[in-house]
């Protein structure tokens, strides 16, 4: 770790390109010092993980379809069959969503333990 305090002098201010008429005013006002600070390191990396949890939305639609199937009459057979197939699709999507969540949490654990 290195730290440097550079006091500003008339020559330094001129060297930095400060106009002559301002140099005296700056020095009269208690010329500020410039502090620099540098610290060595090993480099780094950044990881960005994004996860969208749709499980609650899937459960909501699943529950709605299940209720619709149970309360529908026999005369609407086609709609009932369609809703049953949608239920199967939603069940698969819900299982996939659980697997995605598990994989996301595993990735976080791996990154935290590095």
Protein backbone atom coordinates (compact mmCIF):
# COMPACT_ATOMS: atom_id res chain seq x y z
CA UNK A 1 0.00 0.00 0.00
CA UNK A 2 1.38 3.39 -0.93
CA UNK A 3 0.12 6.79 0.05
CA UNK A 4 1.38 10.15 -1.18
CA UNK A 5 0.60 13.68 -0.09
CA UNK A 6 1.57 16.25 -2.72
CA UNK A 7 1.61 19.83 -1.44
CA UNK A 8 0.72 22.36 -4.12
CA UNK A 9 3.33 25.03 -4.76
CA UNK A 10 3.32 27.99 -7.13
CA UNK A 11 5.46 26.02 -9.59
CA UNK A 12 3.27 22.92 -9.38
CA UNK A 13 0.10 24.92 -10.02
CA UNK A 14 1.67 26.60 -13.06
CA UNK A 15 2.86 23.19 -14.27
CA UNK A 16 -0.73 21.94 -13.99
CA UNK A 17 -1.87 24.82 -16.23
CA UNK A 18 -3.52 27.05 -13.63
CA UNK A 19 -3.58 30.69 -14.86
CA UNK A 20 -1.18 33.06 -13.03
CA UNK A 21 -3.99 35.25 -11.68
CA UNK A 22 -5.54 32.23 -9.91
CA UNK A 23 -2.32 30.76 -8.51
CA UNK A 24 -1.95 33.42 -5.79
CA UNK A 25 -5.64 33.22 -4.86
CA UNK A 26 -5.40 29.44 -4.50
CA UNK A 27 -2.27 29.66 -2.35
CA UNK A 28 -3.77 32.43 -0.17
CA UNK A 29 -6.87 30.36 0.50
CA UNK A 30 -4.78 27.61 2.06
CA UNK A 31 -3.87 25.56 -0.99
CA UNK A 32 -5.41 22.15 -0.84
CA UNK A 33 -3.22 19.10 -0.94
CA UNK A 34 -3.82 16.24 -3.29
CA UNK A 35 -3.92 12.81 -1.66
CA UNK A 36 -3.43 9.72 -3.73
CA UNK A 37 -3.90 6.21 -2.47
CA UNK A 38 -3.03 3.00 -4.24
CA UNK A 39 -3.40 -0.53 -3.02
CA UNK A 40 -2.17 -3.67 -4.74
CA UNK A 41 -4.41 -6.64 -5.31
CA UNK A 42 -4.76 -9.94 -7.06
CA UNK A 43 -7.30 -8.82 -9.59
CA UNK A 44 -10.85 -9.92 -9.45
CA UNK A 45 -13.84 -11.08 -11.30
CA UNK A 46 -17.53 -10.37 -11.34
CA UNK A 47 -20.33 -12.86 -11.74
CA UNK A 48 -23.86 -11.92 -12.55
CA UNK A 49 -26.57 -14.50 -11.87
CA UNK A 50 -30.19 -13.93 -12.74
CA UNK A 51 -33.03 -16.14 -11.66
CA UNK A 52 -36.73 -15.55 -12.14
CA UNK A 53 -38.95 -17.66 -9.92
CA UNK A 54 -42.20 -18.44 -11.72
CA UNK A 55 -43.26 -21.21 -9.36
CA UNK A 56 -45.92 -19.18 -7.55
CA UNK A 57 -47.48 -18.08 -10.85
CA UNK A 58 -47.50 -21.66 -12.10
CA UNK A 59 -49.18 -22.87 -8.90
CA UNK A 60 -51.82 -20.17 -9.25
CA UNK A 61 -52.67 -21.18 -12.82
CA UNK A 62 -52.52 -24.86 -11.86
CA UNK A 63 -55.00 -24.31 -9.01
CA UNK A 64 -57.33 -22.34 -11.27
CA UNK A 65 -57.31 -25.10 -13.91
CA UNK A 66 -57.82 -27.81 -11.33
CA UNK A 67 -60.82 -25.97 -9.91
CA UNK A 68 -62.21 -25.42 -13.43
CA UNK A 69 -61.91 -29.13 -14.24
CA UNK A 70 -63.59 -30.19 -11.01
CA UNK A 71 -66.47 -27.75 -11.37
CA UNK A 72 -67.12 -28.17 -15.09
CA UNK A 73 -70.02 -30.26 -16.33
CA UNK A 74 -69.74 -33.31 -18.54
CA UNK A 75 -71.23 -31.48 -21.50
CA UNK A 76 -68.02 -29.48 -22.04
CA UNK A 77 -65.87 -32.54 -22.60
CA UNK A 78 -63.39 -30.90 -25.03
CA UNK A 79 -62.58 -28.05 -22.67
CA UNK A 80 -62.15 -30.49 -19.81
CA UNK A 81 -59.68 -32.57 -21.87
CA UNK A 82 -57.77 -29.45 -22.90
CA UNK A 83 -57.54 -28.28 -19.28
CA UNK A 84 -56.32 -31.74 -18.19
CA UNK A 85 -53.54 -31.61 -20.77
CA UNK A 86 -52.67 -28.11 -19.61
CA UNK A 87 -52.47 -29.42 -16.06
CA UNK A 88 -49.94 -32.02 -17.18
CA UNK A 89 -47.90 -29.32 -18.91
CA UNK A 90 -48.03 -27.13 -15.81
CA UNK A 91 -46.92 -30.01 -13.59
CA UNK A 92 -43.87 -30.49 -15.80
CA UNK A 93 -43.14 -26.75 -15.77
CA UNK A 94 -43.43 -26.68 -11.97
CA UNK A 95 -40.96 -29.57 -11.64
CA UNK A 96 -38.57 -27.80 -14.03
CA UNK A 97 -38.90 -24.60 -12.04
CA UNK A 98 -37.96 -26.46 -8.85
CA UNK A 99 -34.88 -27.88 -10.59
CA UNK A 100 -33.85 -24.43 -11.87
CA UNK A 101 -34.16 -23.03 -8.36
CA UNK A 102 -32.09 -25.87 -6.94
CA UNK A 103 -29.38 -25.31 -9.60
CA UNK A 104 -29.39 -21.56 -8.92
CA UNK A 105 -28.93 -22.09 -5.18
CA UNK A 106 -26.12 -24.58 -5.84
CA UNK A 107 -24.37 -22.02 -8.06
CA UNK A 108 -24.62 -19.42 -5.28
CA UNK A 109 -23.19 -21.89 -2.76
CA UNK A 110 -20.28 -22.72 -5.07
CA UNK A 111 -19.50 -19.02 -5.58
CA UNK A 112 -19.74 -18.28 -1.85
CA UNK A 113 -17.32 -21.07 -1.01
CA UNK A 114 -14.60 -19.93 -3.44
